[in-house]
Amino acid sequence: MQAIEIDPETFEVTKRVPTGGAGPGYSFVLAPNNRRGFVNAAESDFVAVVDPVAGEVTGRVETGAYP
């Protein structure tokens, strides 16, 4: 599963960030300071912490079944 960045003007995928988890990933939430994002990996039972600028996973939060 991966988080993707989409250009809102062209609708082209501009960045892909592998999360290391199995999907589905239903949501991506951006922190108010825009420095961290969070994407669920439902089949892997964790939420990946993503640095949207660097385009990499910086951590993960184990959640239990189907976050």
PDB file of N, CA and C in Angstrom:
ATOM      1  N   MET A   1       0.837  -1.162   0.000  1.00  0.00           N
ATOM      2  CA  MET A   1       0.000   0.000   0.000  1.00  0.00           C
ATOM      3  C   MET A   1       0.888   1.233   0.000  1.00  0.00           C
ATOM      4  N   GLN A   2       0.374   2.320  -0.532  1.00  0.00           N
ATOM      5  CA  GLN A   2       1.151   3.553  -0.598  1.00  0.00           C
ATOM      6  C   GLN A   2       0.248   4.765  -0.419  1.00  0.00           C
ATOM      7  N   ALA A   3       0.855   5.851   0.036  1.00  0.00           N
ATOM      8  CA  ALA A   3       0.183   7.142   0.047  1.00  0.00           C
ATOM      9  C   ALA A   3       0.618   7.838  -1.242  1.00  0.00           C
ATOM     10  N   ILE A   4      -0.291   8.544  -1.867  1.00  0.00           N
ATOM     11  CA  ILE A   4       0.066   9.239  -3.097  1.00  0.00           C
ATOM     12  C   ILE A   4      -0.239  10.721  -2.981  1.00  0.00           C
ATOM     13  N   GLU A   5       0.544  11.516  -3.686  1.00  0.00           N
ATOM     14  CA  GLU A   5       0.324  12.956  -3.777  1.00  0.00           C
ATOM     15  C   GLU A   5      -0.174  13.240  -5.186  1.00  0.00           C
ATOM     16  N   ILE A   6      -1.248  14.015  -5.286  1.00  0.00           N
ATOM     17  CA  ILE A   6      -1.854  14.329  -6.574  1.00  0.00           C
ATOM     18  C   ILE A   6      -1.862  15.833  -6.768  1.00  0.00           C
ATOM     19  N   ASP A   7      -1.396  16.280  -7.919  1.00  0.00           N
ATOM     20  CA  ASP A   7      -1.427  17.700  -8.270  1.00  0.00           C
ATOM     21  C   ASP A   7      -2.891  18.087  -8.492  1.00  0.00           C
ATOM     22  N   PRO A   8      -3.414  19.070  -7.742  1.00  0.00           N
ATOM     23  CA  PRO A   8      -4.838  19.405  -7.853  1.00  0.00           C
ATOM     24  C   PRO A   8      -5.217  20.072  -9.174  1.00  0.00           C
ATOM     25  N   GLU A   9      -4.241  20.586  -9.887  1.00  0.00           N
ATOM     26  CA  GLU A   9      -4.550  21.231 -11.166  1.00  0.00           C
ATOM     27  C   GLU A   9      -4.539  20.249 -12.330  1.00  0.00           C
ATOM     28  N   THR A  10      -3.600  19.299 -12.312  1.00  0.00           N
ATOM     29  CA  THR A  10      -3.477  18.368 -13.437  1.00  0.00           C
ATOM     30  C   THR A  10      -4.011  16.978 -13.115  1.00  0.00           C
ATOM     31  N   PHE A  11      -4.253  16.717 -11.836  1.00  0.00           N
ATOM     32  CA  PHE A  11      -4.702  15.411 -11.352  1.00  0.00           C
ATOM     33  C   PHE A  11      -3.673  14.308 -11.609  1.00  0.00           C
ATOM     34  N   GLU A  12      -2.427  14.688 -11.827  1.00  0.00           N
ATOM     35  CA  GLU A  12      -1.350  13.719 -12.004  1.00  0.00           C
ATOM     36  C   GLU A  12      -0.763  13.336 -10.656  1.00  0.00           C
ATOM     37  N   VAL A  13      -0.369  12.067 -10.531  1.00  0.00           N
ATOM     38  CA  VAL A  13       0.313  11.605  -9.327  1.00  0.00           C
ATOM     39  C   VAL A  13       1.732  12.162  -9.366  1.00  0.00           C
ATOM     40  N   THR A  14       2.100  12.922  -8.326  1.00  0.00           N
ATOM     41  CA  THR A  14       3.420  13.558  -8.292  1.00  0.00           C
ATOM     42  C   THR A  14       4.381  12.901  -7.307  1.00  0.00           C
ATOM     43  N   LYS A  15       3.837  12.093  -6.396  1.00  0.00           N
ATOM     44  CA  LYS A  15       4.695  11.418  -5.420  1.00  0.00           C
ATOM     45  C   LYS A  15       4.001  10.162  -4.926  1.00  0.00           C
ATOM     46  N   ARG A  16       4.784   9.105  -4.701  1.00  0.00           N
ATOM     47  CA  ARG A  16       4.281   7.858  -4.126  1.00  0.00           C
ATOM     48  C   ARG A  16       5.146   7.520  -2.913  1.00  0.00           C
ATOM     49  N   VAL A  17       4.497   7.202  -1.814  1.00  0.00           N
ATOM     50  CA  VAL A  17       5.205   6.859  -0.582  1.00  0.00           C
ATOM     51  C   VAL A  17       4.770   5.471  -0.134  1.00  0.00           C
ATOM     52  N   PRO A  18       5.609   4.447  -0.314  1.00  0.00           N
ATOM     53  CA  PRO A  18       5.256   3.111   0.166  1.00  0.00           C
ATOM     54  C   PRO A  18       5.153   3.102   1.693  1.00  0.00           C
ATOM     55  N   THR A  19       4.101   2.487   2.217  1.00  0.00           N
ATOM     56  CA  THR A  19       3.907   2.481   3.668  1.00  0.00           C
ATOM     57  C   THR A  19       4.374   1.200   4.335  1.00  0.00           C
ATOM     58  N   GLY A  20       4.615   0.158   3.542  1.00  0.00           N
ATOM     59  CA  GLY A  20       5.026  -1.109   4.126  1.00  0.00           C
ATOM     60  C   GLY A  20       3.884  -1.932   4.669  1.00  0.00           C
ATOM     61  N   GLY A  21       2.671  -1.500   4.431  1.00  0.00           N
ATOM     62  CA  GLY A  21       1.518  -2.231   4.935  1.00  0.00           C
ATOM     63  C   GLY A  21       0.647  -2.743   3.814  1.00  0.00           C
ATOM     64  N   ALA A  22      -0.314  -3.558   4.203  1.00  0.00           N
ATOM     65  CA  ALA A  22      -1.290  -4.079   3.254  1.00  0.00           C
ATOM     66  C   ALA A  22      -2.560  -3.250   3.354  1.00  0.00           C
ATOM     67  N   GLY A  23      -3.135  -2.936   2.236  1.00  0.00           N
ATOM     68  CA  GLY A  23      -4.338  -2.123   2.195  1.00  0.00           C
ATOM     69  C   GLY A  23      -5.563  -2.920   2.590  1.00  0.00           C
ATOM     70  N   PRO A  24      -6.664  -2.346   2.522  1.00  0.00           N
ATOM     71  CA  PRO A  24      -6.864  -1.028   1.945  1.00  0.00           C
ATOM     72  C   PRO A  24      -6.475   0.086   2.908  1.00  0.00           C
ATOM     73  N   GLY A  25      -6.121   1.213   2.328  1.00  0.00           N
ATOM     74  CA  GLY A  25      -5.863   2.429   3.087  1.00  0.00           C
ATOM     75  C   GLY A  25      -6.965   3.404   2.737  1.00  0.00           C
ATOM     76  N   TYR A  26      -7.857   3.649   3.647  1.00  0.00           N
ATOM     77  CA  TYR A  26      -9.036   4.443   3.329  1.00  0.00           C
ATOM     78  C   TYR A  26      -8.845   5.944   3.502  1.00  0.00           C
ATOM     79  N   SER A  27      -7.850   6.345   4.281  1.00  0.00           N
ATOM     80  CA  SER A  27      -7.767   7.775   4.555  1.00  0.00           C
ATOM     81  C   SER A  27      -6.339   8.233   4.800  1.00  0.00           C
ATOM     82  N   PHE A  28      -6.123   9.496   4.496  1.00  0.00           N
ATOM     83  CA  PHE A  28      -4.868  10.180   4.791  1.00  0.00           C
ATOM     84  C   PHE A  28      -5.252  11.463   5.497  1.00  0.00           C
ATOM     85  N   VAL A  29      -4.680  11.693   6.666  1.00  0.00           N
ATOM     86  CA  VAL A  29      -4.987  12.887   7.448  1.00  0.00           C
ATOM     87  C   VAL A  29      -3.691  13.671   7.618  1.00  0.00           C
ATOM     88  N   LEU A  30      -3.742  14.946   7.318  1.00  0.00           N
ATOM     89  CA  LEU A  30      -2.577  15.812   7.450  1.00  0.00           C
ATOM     90  C   LEU A  30      -2.683  16.583   8.760  1.00  0.00           C
ATOM     91  N   ALA A  31      -1.590  16.601   9.545  1.00  0.00           N
ATOM     92  CA  ALA A  31      -1.566  17.334  10.813  1.00  0.00           C
ATOM     93  C   ALA A  31      -1.719  18.833  10.541  1.00  0.00           C
ATOM     94  N   PRO A  32      -2.220  19.603  11.493  1.00  0.00           N
ATOM     95  CA  PRO A  32      -2.425  21.040  11.288  1.00  0.00           C
ATOM     96  C   PRO A  32      -1.163  21.802  10.869  1.00  0.00           C
ATOM     97  N   ASN A  33       0.013  21.330  11.276  1.00  0.00           N
ATOM     98  CA  ASN A  33       1.252  22.031  10.901  1.00  0.00           C
ATOM     99  C   ASN A  33       1.798  21.578   9.545  1.00  0.00           C
ATOM    100  N   ASN A  34       1.107  20.660   8.871  1.00  0.00           N
ATOM    101  CA  ASN A  34       1.486  20.132   7.547  1.00  0.00           C
ATOM    102  C   ASN A  34       2.814  19.385   7.544  1.00  0.00           C
ATOM    103  N   ARG A  35       3.326  18.999   8.705  1.00  0.00           N
ATOM    104  CA  ARG A  35       4.618  18.320   8.776  1.00  0.00           C
ATOM    105  C   ARG A  35       4.507  16.807   8.895  1.00  0.00           C
ATOM    106  N   ARG A  36       3.320  16.329   9.217  1.00  0.00           N
ATOM    107  CA  ARG A  36       3.104  14.884   9.323  1.00  0.00           C
ATOM    108  C   ARG A  36       1.742  14.530   8.762  1.00  0.00           C
ATOM    109  N   GLY A  37       1.711  13.361   8.140  1.00  0.00           N
ATOM    110  CA  GLY A  37       0.446  12.813   7.678  1.00  0.00           C
ATOM    111  C   GLY A  37       0.291  11.424   8.254  1.00  0.00           C
ATOM    112  N   PHE A  38      -0.922  10.944   8.267  1.00  0.00           N
ATOM    113  CA  PHE A  38      -1.215   9.641   8.834  1.00  0.00           C
ATOM    114  C   PHE A  38      -2.113   8.887   7.861  1.00  0.00           C
ATOM    115  N   VAL A  39      -1.716   7.651   7.536  1.00  0.00           N
ATOM    116  CA  VAL A  39      -2.512   6.830   6.628  1.00  0.00           C
ATOM    117  C   VAL A  39      -2.718   5.454   7.251  1.00  0.00           C
ATOM    118  N   ASN A  40      -3.958   4.981   7.210  1.00  0.00           N
ATOM    119  CA  ASN A  40      -4.239   3.675   7.814  1.00  0.00           C
ATOM    120  C   ASN A  40      -3.872   2.542   6.860  1.00  0.00           C
ATOM    121  N   ALA A  41      -3.375   1.463   7.437  1.00  0.00           N
ATOM    122  CA  ALA A  41      -3.098   0.229   6.698  1.00  0.00           C
ATOM    123  C   ALA A  41      -3.991  -0.835   7.317  1.00  0.00           C
ATOM    124  N   ALA A  42      -5.214  -0.913   6.822  1.00  0.00           N
ATOM    125  CA  ALA A  42      -6.261  -1.705   7.476  1.00  0.00           C
ATOM    126  C   ALA A  42      -5.908  -3.181   7.638  1.00  0.00           C
ATOM    127  N   GLU A  43      -5.365  -3.803   6.631  1.00  0.00           N
ATOM    128  CA  GLU A  43      -5.051  -5.228   6.721  1.00  0.00           C
ATOM    129  C   GLU A  43      -3.799  -5.511   7.552  1.00  0.00           C
ATOM    130  N   SER A  44      -3.015  -4.482   7.831  1.00  0.00           N
ATOM    131  CA  SER A  44      -1.785  -4.658   8.621  1.00  0.00           C
ATOM    132  C   SER A  44      -1.922  -4.131  10.040  1.00  0.00           C
ATOM    133  N   ASP A  45      -3.058  -3.549  10.362  1.00  0.00           N
ATOM    134  CA  ASP A  45      -3.375  -3.106  11.726  1.00  0.00           C
ATOM    135  C   ASP A  45      -2.421  -2.060  12.271  1.00  0.00           C
ATOM    136  N   PHE A  46      -2.090  -1.064  11.448  1.00  0.00           N
ATOM    137  CA  PHE A  46      -1.302   0.068  11.927  1.00  0.00           C
ATOM    138  C   PHE A  46      -1.626   1.315  11.129  1.00  0.00           C
ATOM    139  N   VAL A  47      -1.203   2.447  11.674  1.00  0.00           N
ATOM    140  CA  VAL A  47      -1.278   3.729  10.983  1.00  0.00           C
ATOM    141  C   VAL A  47       0.153   4.157  10.707  1.00  0.00           C
ATOM    142  N   ALA A  48       0.461   4.449   9.454  1.00  0.00           N
ATOM    143  CA  ALA A  48       1.799   4.904   9.079  1.00  0.00           C
ATOM    144  C   ALA A  48       1.884   6.415   9.260  1.00  0.00           C
ATOM    145  N   VAL A  49       2.999   6.869   9.811  1.00  0.00           N
ATOM    146  CA  VAL A  49       3.270   8.297   9.972  1.00  0.00           C
ATOM    147  C   VAL A  49       4.160   8.696   8.803  1.00  0.00           C
ATOM    148  N   VAL A  50       3.718   9.683   8.026  1.00  0.00           N
ATOM    149  CA  VAL A  50       4.392  10.053   6.789  1.00  0.00           C
ATOM    150  C   VAL A  50       4.895  11.489   6.864  1.00  0.00           C
ATOM    151  N   ASP A  51       6.136  11.706   6.425  1.00  0.00           N
ATOM    152  CA  ASP A  51       6.661  13.054   6.223  1.00  0.00           C
ATOM    153  C   ASP A  51       6.306  13.413   4.780  1.00  0.00           C
ATOM    154  N   PRO A  52       5.327  14.301   4.567  1.00  0.00           N
ATOM    155  CA  PRO A  52       4.877  14.578   3.208  1.00  0.00           C
ATOM    156  C   PRO A  52       5.893  15.325   2.351  1.00  0.00           C
ATOM    157  N   VAL A  53       6.790  16.072   2.963  1.00  0.00           N
ATOM    158  CA  VAL A  53       7.805  16.796   2.200  1.00  0.00           C
ATOM    159  C   VAL A  53       8.911  15.847   1.748  1.00  0.00           C
ATOM    160  N   ALA A  54       9.420  15.046   2.669  1.00  0.00           N
ATOM    161  CA  ALA A  54      10.489  14.099   2.339  1.00  0.00           C
ATOM    162  C   ALA A  54       9.963  12.913   1.541  1.00  0.00           C
ATOM    163  N   GLY A  55       8.679  12.633   1.661  1.00  0.00           N
ATOM    164  CA  GLY A  55       8.096  11.499   0.956  1.00  0.00           C
ATOM    165  C   GLY A  55       8.532  10.168   1.521  1.00  0.00           C
ATOM    166  N   GLU A  56       8.539  10.082   2.860  1.00  0.00           N
ATOM    167  CA  GLU A  56       8.936   8.831   3.494  1.00  0.00           C
ATOM    168  C   GLU A  56       8.152   8.585   4.762  1.00  0.00           C
ATOM    169  N   VAL A  57       8.072   7.317   5.127  1.00  0.00           N
ATOM    170  CA  VAL A  57       7.421   6.938   6.378  1.00  0.00           C
ATOM    171  C   VAL A  57       8.428   7.151   7.507  1.00  0.00           C
ATOM    172  N   THR A  58       7.992   7.853   8.544  1.00  0.00           N
ATOM    173  CA  THR A  58       8.879   8.157   9.674  1.00  0.00           C
ATOM    174  C   THR A  58       8.532   7.365  10.926  1.00  0.00           C
ATOM    175  N   GLY A  59       7.412   6.653  10.877  1.00  0.00           N
ATOM    176  CA  GLY A  59       7.020   5.860  12.038  1.00  0.00           C
ATOM    177  C   GLY A  59       5.726   5.138  11.771  1.00  0.00           C
ATOM    178  N   ARG A  60       5.311   4.388  12.777  1.00  0.00           N
ATOM    179  CA  ARG A  60       4.025   3.715  12.671  1.00  0.00           C
ATOM    180  C   ARG A  60       3.433   3.533  14.056  1.00  0.00           C
ATOM    181  N   VAL A  61       2.122   3.511  14.095  1.00  0.00           N
ATOM    182  CA  VAL A  61       1.384   3.348  15.338  1.00  0.00           C
ATOM    183  C   VAL A  61       0.579   2.057  15.219  1.00  0.00           C
ATOM    184  N   GLU A  62       0.905   1.088  16.057  1.00  0.00           N
ATOM    185  CA  GLU A  62       0.159  -0.176  16.062  1.00  0.00           C
ATOM    186  C   GLU A  62      -1.214   0.095  16.654  1.00  0.00           C
ATOM    187  N   THR A  63      -2.261  -0.414  16.011  1.00  0.00           N
ATOM    188  CA  THR A  63      -3.611  -0.061  16.422  1.00  0.00           C
ATOM    189  C   THR A  63      -4.499  -1.227  16.822  1.00  0.00           C
ATOM    190  N   GLY A  64      -4.186  -2.418  16.400  1.00  0.00           N
ATOM    191  CA  GLY A  64      -5.135  -3.501  16.531  1.00  0.00           C
ATOM    192  C   GLY A  64      -5.925  -3.610  15.241  1.00  0.00           C
ATOM    193  N   ALA A  65      -6.988  -4.362  15.267  1.00  0.00           N
ATOM    194  CA  ALA A  65      -7.717  -4.700  14.051  1.00  0.00           C
ATOM    195  C   ALA A  65      -8.345  -3.496  13.349  1.00  0.00           C
ATOM    196  N   TYR A  66      -8.061  -3.389  12.087  1.00  0.00           N
ATOM    197  CA  TYR A  66      -8.695  -2.462  11.140  1.00  0.00           C
ATOM    198  C   TYR A  66      -8.780  -1.005  11.588  1.00  0.00           C
ATOM    199  N   PRO A  67      -7.639  -0.323  11.592  1.00  0.00           N
ATOM    200  CA  PRO A  67      -7.672   1.100  11.980  1.00  0.00           C
ATOM    201  C   PRO A  67      -8.417   1.951  10.959  1.00  0.00           C
TER     202      PRO A  67
END
